[in-house]
Amino acid sequence: MKNMIEKKIYLAGGCFWGMQAFFKELKGVKKTEVGYANGNGENPTYQEVCKGTTGFVETLLVVYDESIIELKELLRYFFLVIDPCALNKQGEDEGIQYRSGIYFLEKQDEEVIQNYLEEIKGNYDREIVTEILQLSNYYPAEEYHQDYLVKNPQGYCHINLNLLKYNN
C-alpha cells in the first residue's frame, strides 16, 4: 500500500456549490471546502463577495492524496466542467467572483498546471482565460455554503454532475 501524499489545490469554476459536489466524489479526494480566494480584505462574507468589489473568487479547496490521484488528473476533471474561455462567467453566473482560476501553494504545481494548459489549448478556438496564480489568501465560506447541494438537492448547479458516471 502506498503512503498517503496529502496535497492541496484551489479551484475556481463558477458557483462553488457544484464544484464541491463534483470534486468530492473523485477517488483520492480526501476533503473539500468552499471559500473565497485571492481578494482584498479579510474574512469576506458572501454578500460582500457578490458585490464584486472585493476581488475574491468563489473557490474550492481540494485536499487530495497524490498517491491515488495526481494534479494533472484533477485538472482534467476541472476542465471537463468549466468553460476556460469565459471571462468572469460560468453557466448562468456572471461577475468577477465567478471567474475560473487555479490557485496553487507549491511552485512545482505551477509547472504541472502550465504544462497541462499547453497540452489542451489546441482543444479551444478561443483563448483560455483561466487564472493561474499562487494562492495569496483563502477564507472558508459560511457554513450554509458547505456541502450546499447535499443539504439542498434541488439547488442550482451549472455543472452536469452526471459527468462523473462517464469519466471516472
N, C-alpha and C. Protein backbone atom coordinates (compact mmCIF):
# COMPACT_ATOMS: atom_id res chain seq x y z
N MET A 1 0.84 -1.19 0.00
CA MET A 1 0.00 0.00 0.00
C MET A 1 0.89 1.25 0.00
N LYS A 2 0.53 2.20 -0.84
CA LYS A 2 1.30 3.44 -0.93
C LYS A 2 1.01 4.33 0.28
N ASN A 3 2.01 5.13 0.64
CA ASN A 3 1.80 6.12 1.70
C ASN A 3 1.02 7.28 1.14
N MET A 4 0.15 7.84 1.95
CA MET A 4 -0.64 8.99 1.52
C MET A 4 0.28 10.20 1.35
N ILE A 5 0.11 10.88 0.24
CA ILE A 5 0.83 12.12 -0.02
C ILE A 5 -0.24 13.21 -0.12
N GLU A 6 -0.46 13.92 0.98
CA GLU A 6 -1.53 14.92 1.01
C GLU A 6 -1.08 16.21 0.34
N LYS A 7 -1.90 16.67 -0.59
CA LYS A 7 -1.64 17.91 -1.32
C LYS A 7 -2.92 18.74 -1.33
N LYS A 8 -2.75 20.02 -1.65
CA LYS A 8 -3.89 20.93 -1.75
C LYS A 8 -3.81 21.72 -3.04
N ILE A 9 -4.97 21.97 -3.62
CA ILE A 9 -5.09 22.86 -4.76
C ILE A 9 -6.42 23.60 -4.60
N TYR A 10 -6.48 24.80 -5.11
CA TYR A 10 -7.67 25.63 -5.00
C TYR A 10 -8.19 25.89 -6.41
N LEU A 11 -9.44 25.50 -6.65
CA LEU A 11 -10.03 25.58 -7.98
C LEU A 11 -11.26 26.48 -7.98
N ALA A 12 -11.29 27.42 -8.90
CA ALA A 12 -12.43 28.32 -9.04
C ALA A 12 -13.07 28.05 -10.40
N GLY A 13 -14.32 27.65 -10.36
CA GLY A 13 -15.01 27.31 -11.61
C GLY A 13 -16.45 27.73 -11.57
N GLY A 14 -16.69 28.99 -11.22
CA GLY A 14 -18.07 29.45 -11.11
C GLY A 14 -18.59 29.19 -9.71
N CYS A 15 -19.88 28.97 -9.61
CA CYS A 15 -20.51 28.71 -8.31
C CYS A 15 -19.83 27.54 -7.62
N PHE A 16 -19.41 27.76 -6.39
CA PHE A 16 -18.64 26.73 -5.70
C PHE A 16 -19.47 25.54 -5.23
N TRP A 17 -20.79 25.67 -5.21
CA TRP A 17 -21.63 24.54 -4.79
C TRP A 17 -21.45 23.34 -5.70
N GLY A 18 -21.54 23.57 -7.00
CA GLY A 18 -21.39 22.48 -7.96
C GLY A 18 -19.99 21.93 -8.00
N MET A 19 -19.01 22.82 -7.88
CA MET A 19 -17.62 22.37 -7.86
C MET A 19 -17.40 21.39 -6.71
N GLN A 20 -17.93 21.72 -5.54
CA GLN A 20 -17.74 20.85 -4.39
C GLN A 20 -18.46 19.52 -4.59
N ALA A 21 -19.70 19.56 -5.06
CA ALA A 21 -20.45 18.33 -5.27
C ALA A 21 -19.74 17.41 -6.26
N PHE A 22 -19.12 17.99 -7.27
CA PHE A 22 -18.43 17.21 -8.29
C PHE A 22 -17.12 16.63 -7.76
N PHE A 23 -16.26 17.46 -7.22
CA PHE A 23 -14.91 17.01 -6.84
C PHE A 23 -14.90 16.11 -5.62
N LYS A 24 -15.85 16.25 -4.73
CA LYS A 24 -15.82 15.40 -3.53
C LYS A 24 -16.08 13.94 -3.86
N GLU A 25 -16.59 13.67 -5.06
CA GLU A 25 -16.88 12.29 -5.48
C GLU A 25 -15.69 11.59 -6.12
N LEU A 26 -14.62 12.32 -6.37
CA LEU A 26 -13.46 11.72 -7.04
C LEU A 26 -12.64 10.87 -6.07
N LYS A 27 -12.25 9.71 -6.54
CA LYS A 27 -11.39 8.83 -5.75
C LYS A 27 -10.06 9.54 -5.50
N GLY A 28 -9.63 9.58 -4.27
CA GLY A 28 -8.38 10.23 -3.91
C GLY A 28 -8.57 11.61 -3.32
N VAL A 29 -9.76 12.19 -3.51
CA VAL A 29 -10.06 13.49 -2.89
C VAL A 29 -10.48 13.20 -1.45
N LYS A 30 -9.73 13.76 -0.51
CA LYS A 30 -9.94 13.46 0.90
C LYS A 30 -10.83 14.48 1.60
N LYS A 31 -10.81 15.72 1.11
CA LYS A 31 -11.61 16.77 1.75
C LYS A 31 -11.84 17.87 0.74
N THR A 32 -13.01 18.48 0.82
CA THR A 32 -13.30 19.68 0.04
C THR A 32 -13.90 20.72 0.98
N GLU A 33 -13.68 21.97 0.62
CA GLU A 33 -14.25 23.08 1.40
C GLU A 33 -14.42 24.26 0.45
N VAL A 34 -15.58 24.90 0.51
CA VAL A 34 -15.79 26.08 -0.33
C VAL A 34 -15.40 27.33 0.44
N GLY A 35 -14.87 28.30 -0.32
CA GLY A 35 -14.43 29.53 0.31
C GLY A 35 -14.14 30.61 -0.72
N TYR A 36 -13.45 31.62 -0.27
CA TYR A 36 -13.15 32.79 -1.09
C TYR A 36 -11.64 32.97 -1.14
N ALA A 37 -11.10 33.20 -2.35
CA ALA A 37 -9.65 33.27 -2.51
C ALA A 37 -9.22 34.51 -3.28
N ASN A 38 -7.97 34.88 -3.03
CA ASN A 38 -7.23 35.89 -3.79
C ASN A 38 -7.98 37.21 -3.96
N GLY A 39 -8.46 37.71 -2.84
CA GLY A 39 -9.13 39.01 -2.86
C GLY A 39 -8.50 39.98 -1.89
N ASN A 40 -9.19 41.09 -1.70
CA ASN A 40 -8.71 42.16 -0.82
C ASN A 40 -9.53 42.18 0.46
N GLY A 41 -8.84 42.26 1.58
CA GLY A 41 -9.51 42.29 2.88
C GLY A 41 -9.39 40.95 3.56
N GLU A 42 -10.09 40.84 4.68
CA GLU A 42 -10.05 39.62 5.48
C GLU A 42 -11.46 39.15 5.79
N ASN A 43 -11.62 37.84 5.84
CA ASN A 43 -12.88 37.20 6.22
C ASN A 43 -14.10 37.80 5.51
N PRO A 44 -14.12 37.78 4.19
CA PRO A 44 -15.26 38.35 3.48
C PRO A 44 -16.52 37.52 3.69
N THR A 45 -17.65 38.16 3.57
CA THR A 45 -18.93 37.46 3.62
C THR A 45 -19.39 37.20 2.19
N TYR A 46 -20.33 36.30 2.04
CA TYR A 46 -20.90 36.00 0.73
C TYR A 46 -21.48 37.27 0.11
N GLN A 47 -22.17 38.05 0.92
CA GLN A 47 -22.79 39.28 0.42
C GLN A 47 -21.72 40.25 -0.10
N GLU A 48 -20.61 40.37 0.60
CA GLU A 48 -19.53 41.25 0.15
C GLU A 48 -18.91 40.75 -1.16
N VAL A 49 -18.67 39.46 -1.23
CA VAL A 49 -18.07 38.87 -2.43
C VAL A 49 -19.01 39.06 -3.64
N CYS A 50 -20.30 38.89 -3.42
CA CYS A 50 -21.28 39.03 -4.51
C CYS A 50 -21.36 40.44 -5.07
N LYS A 51 -20.95 41.42 -4.30
CA LYS A 51 -20.95 42.80 -4.80
C LYS A 51 -19.89 43.00 -5.89
N GLY A 52 -18.89 42.10 -5.92
CA GLY A 52 -17.85 42.16 -6.93
C GLY A 52 -16.78 43.21 -6.68
N THR A 53 -16.75 43.77 -5.48
CA THR A 53 -15.78 44.84 -5.18
C THR A 53 -14.58 44.36 -4.36
N THR A 54 -14.63 43.11 -3.87
CA THR A 54 -13.55 42.61 -3.01
C THR A 54 -12.44 41.92 -3.81
N GLY A 55 -12.73 41.54 -5.03
CA GLY A 55 -11.76 40.80 -5.82
C GLY A 55 -11.70 39.32 -5.49
N PHE A 56 -12.45 38.88 -4.48
CA PHE A 56 -12.44 37.46 -4.13
C PHE A 56 -13.17 36.65 -5.18
N VAL A 57 -12.77 35.39 -5.30
CA VAL A 57 -13.39 34.45 -6.23
C VAL A 57 -13.91 33.26 -5.43
N GLU A 58 -15.11 32.78 -5.80
CA GLU A 58 -15.64 31.58 -5.17
C GLU A 58 -14.73 30.42 -5.54
N THR A 59 -14.20 29.74 -4.53
CA THR A 59 -13.13 28.77 -4.74
C THR A 59 -13.40 27.49 -3.96
N LEU A 60 -12.91 26.40 -4.51
CA LEU A 60 -12.99 25.12 -3.84
C LEU A 60 -11.59 24.67 -3.42
N LEU A 61 -11.41 24.46 -2.14
CA LEU A 61 -10.19 23.83 -1.63
C LEU A 61 -10.34 22.33 -1.82
N VAL A 62 -9.39 21.73 -2.50
CA VAL A 62 -9.37 20.28 -2.70
C VAL A 62 -8.13 19.73 -2.01
N VAL A 63 -8.36 18.89 -1.02
CA VAL A 63 -7.26 18.17 -0.36
C VAL A 63 -7.31 16.76 -0.94
N TYR A 64 -6.18 16.35 -1.52
CA TYR A 64 -6.18 15.05 -2.21
C TYR A 64 -4.94 14.25 -1.88
N ASP A 65 -5.06 12.96 -2.11
CA ASP A 65 -3.95 12.04 -1.90
C ASP A 65 -3.28 11.82 -3.25
N GLU A 66 -2.10 12.39 -3.42
CA GLU A 66 -1.40 12.33 -4.70
C GLU A 66 -0.99 10.90 -5.07
N SER A 67 -0.96 9.99 -4.10
CA SER A 67 -0.65 8.60 -4.43
C SER A 67 -1.84 7.91 -5.10
N ILE A 68 -3.02 8.54 -5.03
CA ILE A 68 -4.23 7.99 -5.66
C ILE A 68 -4.63 8.80 -6.89
N ILE A 69 -4.61 10.12 -6.79
CA ILE A 69 -4.98 10.98 -7.91
C ILE A 69 -3.96 12.11 -8.00
N GLU A 70 -3.41 12.30 -9.18
CA GLU A 70 -2.40 13.34 -9.37
C GLU A 70 -3.05 14.64 -9.80
N LEU A 71 -2.31 15.73 -9.65
CA LEU A 71 -2.81 17.05 -10.01
C LEU A 71 -3.27 17.08 -11.46
N LYS A 72 -2.53 16.48 -12.35
CA LYS A 72 -2.92 16.50 -13.77
C LYS A 72 -4.31 15.89 -13.98
N GLU A 73 -4.62 14.84 -13.25
CA GLU A 73 -5.94 14.21 -13.35
C GLU A 73 -7.02 15.13 -12.78
N LEU A 74 -6.73 15.80 -11.68
CA LEU A 74 -7.69 16.78 -11.14
C LEU A 74 -7.94 17.88 -12.16
N LEU A 75 -6.89 18.32 -12.84
CA LEU A 75 -7.05 19.36 -13.86
C LEU A 75 -7.91 18.87 -15.02
N ARG A 76 -7.76 17.61 -15.39
CA ARG A 76 -8.60 17.05 -16.45
C ARG A 76 -10.07 17.16 -16.08
N TYR A 77 -10.39 16.80 -14.85
CA TYR A 77 -11.78 16.92 -14.39
C TYR A 77 -12.22 18.38 -14.32
N PHE A 78 -11.35 19.24 -13.86
CA PHE A 78 -11.66 20.67 -13.75
C PHE A 78 -12.05 21.23 -15.12
N PHE A 79 -11.24 20.95 -16.13
CA PHE A 79 -11.52 21.48 -17.46
C PHE A 79 -12.70 20.79 -18.13
N LEU A 80 -13.12 19.67 -17.60
CA LEU A 80 -14.31 18.98 -18.08
C LEU A 80 -15.58 19.76 -17.68
N VAL A 81 -15.53 20.47 -16.55
CA VAL A 81 -16.74 21.10 -16.02
C VAL A 81 -16.77 22.63 -16.13
N ILE A 82 -15.69 23.24 -16.65
CA ILE A 82 -15.69 24.70 -16.80
C ILE A 82 -15.54 25.08 -18.26
N ASP A 83 -15.84 26.33 -18.54
CA ASP A 83 -15.52 26.93 -19.83
C ASP A 83 -14.32 27.84 -19.57
N PRO A 84 -13.11 27.39 -19.90
CA PRO A 84 -11.92 28.17 -19.58
C PRO A 84 -11.75 29.42 -20.45
N CYS A 85 -12.63 29.58 -21.43
CA CYS A 85 -12.55 30.74 -22.32
C CYS A 85 -13.56 31.83 -21.94
N ALA A 86 -14.39 31.56 -20.94
CA ALA A 86 -15.39 32.53 -20.49
C ALA A 86 -14.78 33.42 -19.42
N LEU A 87 -14.81 34.71 -19.64
CA LEU A 87 -14.25 35.66 -18.68
C LEU A 87 -15.31 36.07 -17.66
N ASN A 88 -15.02 35.81 -16.39
CA ASN A 88 -15.90 36.20 -15.28
C ASN A 88 -17.31 35.65 -15.43
N LYS A 89 -17.41 34.41 -15.91
CA LYS A 89 -18.72 33.78 -16.13
C LYS A 89 -18.54 32.28 -16.21
N GLN A 90 -19.45 31.57 -15.57
CA GLN A 90 -19.59 30.13 -15.72
C GLN A 90 -21.07 29.82 -15.62
N GLY A 91 -21.60 29.10 -16.60
CA GLY A 91 -23.03 28.82 -16.60
C GLY A 91 -23.81 30.13 -16.62
N GLU A 92 -24.81 30.22 -15.77
CA GLU A 92 -25.64 31.43 -15.68
C GLU A 92 -25.05 32.47 -14.73
N ASP A 93 -23.97 32.12 -14.05
CA ASP A 93 -23.37 33.01 -13.05
C ASP A 93 -22.38 33.96 -13.72
N GLU A 94 -22.55 35.25 -13.46
CA GLU A 94 -21.66 36.25 -14.03
C GLU A 94 -21.14 37.17 -12.94
N GLY A 95 -19.89 37.60 -13.11
CA GLY A 95 -19.26 38.52 -12.17
C GLY A 95 -17.85 38.04 -11.87
N ILE A 96 -17.04 38.95 -11.38
CA ILE A 96 -15.63 38.64 -11.11
C ILE A 96 -15.49 37.48 -10.12
N GLN A 97 -16.45 37.31 -9.24
CA GLN A 97 -16.38 36.23 -8.25
C GLN A 97 -16.60 34.86 -8.87
N TYR A 98 -17.02 34.82 -10.15
CA TYR A 98 -17.26 33.55 -10.84
C TYR A 98 -16.19 33.26 -11.89
N ARG A 99 -15.10 34.00 -11.88
CA ARG A 99 -14.03 33.73 -12.84
C ARG A 99 -13.44 32.35 -12.58
N SER A 100 -12.82 31.80 -13.59
CA SER A 100 -12.18 30.50 -13.40
C SER A 100 -10.72 30.72 -13.02
N GLY A 101 -10.23 29.86 -12.14
CA GLY A 101 -8.86 30.00 -11.69
C GLY A 101 -8.33 28.74 -11.04
N ILE A 102 -7.03 28.62 -11.09
CA ILE A 102 -6.32 27.55 -10.39
C ILE A 102 -5.28 28.23 -9.53
N TYR A 103 -5.38 28.01 -8.23
CA TYR A 103 -4.50 28.70 -7.27
C TYR A 103 -3.69 27.63 -6.53
N PHE A 104 -2.40 27.73 -6.66
CA PHE A 104 -1.50 26.71 -6.13
C PHE A 104 -0.73 27.23 -4.93
N LEU A 105 -0.23 26.29 -4.13
CA LEU A 105 0.61 26.62 -2.98
C LEU A 105 2.08 26.37 -3.29
N GLU A 106 2.36 25.30 -4.02
CA GLU A 106 3.72 24.87 -4.28
C GLU A 106 4.14 25.22 -5.70
N LYS A 107 5.33 25.77 -5.84
CA LYS A 107 5.84 26.20 -7.15
C LYS A 107 5.84 25.07 -8.17
N GLN A 108 6.16 23.85 -7.75
CA GLN A 108 6.20 22.75 -8.71
C GLN A 108 4.82 22.45 -9.29
N ASP A 109 3.76 22.80 -8.56
CA ASP A 109 2.41 22.62 -9.10
C ASP A 109 2.15 23.59 -10.26
N GLU A 110 2.76 24.78 -10.18
CA GLU A 110 2.58 25.74 -11.27
C GLU A 110 3.09 25.15 -12.59
N GLU A 111 4.19 24.45 -12.54
CA GLU A 111 4.75 23.85 -13.76
C GLU A 111 3.80 22.79 -14.33
N VAL A 112 3.24 21.97 -13.45
CA VAL A 112 2.27 20.95 -13.89
C VAL A 112 1.07 21.62 -14.54
N ILE A 113 0.58 22.70 -13.93
CA ILE A 113 -0.58 23.42 -14.45
C ILE A 113 -0.27 24.04 -15.81
N GLN A 114 0.85 24.72 -15.90
CA GLN A 114 1.23 25.38 -17.16
C GLN A 114 1.43 24.35 -18.28
N ASN A 115 2.07 23.23 -17.96
CA ASN A 115 2.26 22.17 -18.96
C ASN A 115 0.92 21.60 -19.42
N TYR A 116 -0.01 21.44 -18.48
CA TYR A 116 -1.32 20.92 -18.84
C TYR A 116 -2.06 21.90 -19.76
N LEU A 117 -1.99 23.19 -19.43
CA LEU A 117 -2.63 24.20 -20.29
C LEU A 117 -2.04 24.17 -21.70
N GLU A 118 -0.76 24.00 -21.79
CA GLU A 118 -0.11 23.93 -23.09
C GLU A 118 -0.63 22.73 -23.89
N GLU A 119 -0.85 21.61 -23.20
CA GLU A 119 -1.36 20.40 -23.84
C GLU A 119 -2.77 20.58 -24.39
N ILE A 120 -3.62 21.32 -23.66
CA ILE A 120 -5.05 21.37 -24.03
C ILE A 120 -5.45 22.61 -24.82
N LYS A 121 -4.60 23.60 -24.91
CA LYS A 121 -5.03 24.86 -25.53
C LYS A 121 -5.53 24.68 -26.96
N GLY A 122 -5.01 23.70 -27.67
CA GLY A 122 -5.46 23.42 -29.03
C GLY A 122 -6.88 22.89 -29.11
N ASN A 123 -7.46 22.50 -27.96
CA ASN A 123 -8.84 22.00 -27.93
C ASN A 123 -9.87 23.12 -27.96
N TYR A 124 -9.41 24.37 -27.89
CA TYR A 124 -10.31 25.52 -27.80
C TYR A 124 -10.05 26.47 -28.96
N ASP A 125 -11.13 27.08 -29.44
CA ASP A 125 -10.97 28.03 -30.54
C ASP A 125 -10.83 29.47 -30.06
N ARG A 126 -10.86 29.64 -28.75
CA ARG A 126 -10.65 30.96 -28.15
C ARG A 126 -9.55 30.83 -27.10
N GLU A 127 -9.06 31.98 -26.65
CA GLU A 127 -8.00 32.00 -25.65
C GLU A 127 -8.52 31.51 -24.30
N ILE A 128 -7.70 30.71 -23.62
CA ILE A 128 -8.02 30.27 -22.25
C ILE A 128 -7.73 31.45 -21.32
N VAL A 129 -8.74 31.84 -20.53
CA VAL A 129 -8.59 32.99 -19.63
C VAL A 129 -8.59 32.57 -18.16
N THR A 130 -8.50 31.30 -17.90
CA THR A 130 -8.43 30.80 -16.53
C THR A 130 -7.18 31.34 -15.85
N GLU A 131 -7.35 31.95 -14.68
CA GLU A 131 -6.21 32.48 -13.92
C GLU A 131 -5.37 31.34 -13.37
N ILE A 132 -4.06 31.50 -13.45
CA ILE A 132 -3.14 30.57 -12.82
C ILE A 132 -2.25 31.43 -11.91
N LEU A 133 -2.49 31.34 -10.61
CA LEU A 133 -1.77 32.20 -9.67
C LEU A 133 -1.45 31.44 -8.40
N GLN A 134 -0.41 31.88 -7.73
CA GLN A 134 -0.14 31.37 -6.39
C GLN A 134 -1.25 31.89 -5.47
N LEU A 135 -1.68 31.05 -4.56
CA LEU A 135 -2.71 31.46 -3.62
C LEU A 135 -2.17 32.55 -2.71
N SER A 136 -2.87 33.68 -2.64
CA SER A 136 -2.43 34.76 -1.75
C SER A 136 -3.22 34.77 -0.45
N ASN A 137 -4.49 34.37 -0.51
CA ASN A 137 -5.29 34.24 0.70
C ASN A 137 -6.51 33.39 0.41
N TYR A 138 -7.07 32.84 1.47
CA TYR A 138 -8.24 31.97 1.35
C TYR A 138 -8.99 32.03 2.68
N TYR A 139 -10.31 32.16 2.59
CA TYR A 139 -11.17 32.16 3.77
C TYR A 139 -12.33 31.22 3.52
N PRO A 140 -12.59 30.29 4.45
CA PRO A 140 -13.74 29.40 4.27
C PRO A 140 -15.04 30.20 4.17
N ALA A 141 -15.94 29.71 3.33
CA ALA A 141 -17.26 30.33 3.20
C ALA A 141 -18.10 29.95 4.43
N GLU A 142 -19.20 30.63 4.56
CA GLU A 142 -20.12 30.39 5.67
C GLU A 142 -20.58 28.93 5.66
N GLU A 143 -20.93 28.43 6.83
CA GLU A 143 -21.30 27.02 6.99
C GLU A 143 -22.44 26.61 6.06
N TYR A 144 -23.41 27.49 5.83
CA TYR A 144 -24.54 27.08 4.99
C TYR A 144 -24.15 26.83 3.54
N HIS A 145 -22.97 27.29 3.12
CA HIS A 145 -22.48 27.00 1.77
C HIS A 145 -21.76 25.65 1.68
N GLN A 146 -21.27 25.15 2.81
CA GLN A 146 -20.53 23.89 2.79
C GLN A 146 -21.48 22.74 2.46
N ASP A 147 -21.13 21.95 1.45
CA ASP A 147 -21.96 20.82 1.00
C ASP A 147 -23.40 21.26 0.72
N TYR A 148 -23.54 22.43 0.13
CA TYR A 148 -24.85 23.03 -0.12
C TYR A 148 -25.78 22.10 -0.90
N LEU A 149 -25.26 21.47 -1.94
CA LEU A 149 -26.14 20.64 -2.77
C LEU A 149 -26.52 19.32 -2.10
N VAL A 150 -25.78 18.92 -1.08
CA VAL A 150 -26.20 17.77 -0.27
C VAL A 150 -27.37 18.20 0.61
N LYS A 151 -27.26 19.38 1.19
CA LYS A 151 -28.32 19.92 2.06
C LYS A 151 -29.53 20.37 1.26
N ASN A 152 -29.30 20.78 0.01
CA ASN A 152 -30.36 21.33 -0.86
C ASN A 152 -30.26 20.65 -2.23
N PRO A 153 -30.73 19.41 -2.35
CA PRO A 153 -30.54 18.66 -3.59
C PRO A 153 -31.15 19.32 -4.84
N GLN A 154 -32.10 20.18 -4.65
CA GLN A 154 -32.71 20.86 -5.80
C GLN A 154 -32.06 22.21 -6.08
N GLY A 155 -30.95 22.49 -5.39
CA GLY A 155 -30.26 23.76 -5.58
C GLY A 155 -29.67 23.90 -6.97
N TYR A 156 -29.41 25.14 -7.35
CA TYR A 156 -28.86 25.43 -8.68
C TYR A 156 -27.43 24.91 -8.80
N CYS A 157 -27.15 24.32 -9.95
CA CYS A 157 -25.79 23.88 -10.25
C CYS A 157 -25.56 23.98 -11.74
N HIS A 158 -24.51 24.67 -12.14
CA HIS A 158 -24.19 24.81 -13.56
C HIS A 158 -23.39 23.63 -14.09
N ILE A 159 -23.01 22.73 -13.21
CA ILE A 159 -22.20 21.56 -13.60
C ILE A 159 -23.10 20.35 -13.75
N ASN A 160 -22.89 19.60 -14.82
CA ASN A 160 -23.59 18.34 -15.02
C ASN A 160 -22.91 17.29 -14.14
N LEU A 161 -23.51 17.01 -13.00
CA LEU A 161 -22.90 16.09 -12.05
C LEU A 161 -22.88 14.65 -12.57
N ASN A 162 -23.63 14.36 -13.61
CA ASN A 162 -23.61 13.03 -14.22
C ASN A 162 -22.33 12.76 -15.01
N LEU A 163 -21.53 13.78 -15.25
CA LEU A 163 -20.29 13.58 -15.98
C LEU A 163 -19.37 12.57 -15.30
N LEU A 164 -19.46 12.47 -14.00
CA LEU A 164 -18.61 11.52 -13.28
C LEU A 164 -18.91 10.09 -13.67
N LYS A 165 -20.18 9.81 -13.97
CA LYS A 165 -20.56 8.45 -14.35
C LYS A 165 -19.82 7.99 -15.60
N TYR A 166 -19.53 8.93 -16.47
CA TYR A 166 -18.95 8.59 -17.77
C TYR A 166 -17.45 8.88 -17.85
N ASN A 167 -16.90 9.59 -16.88
CA ASN A 167 -15.49 9.99 -16.95
C ASN A 167 -14.67 9.56 -15.75
N ASN A 168 -15.20 8.76 -14.91
CA ASN A 168 -14.49 8.36 -13.70
C ASN A 168 -13.87 6.99 -13.86
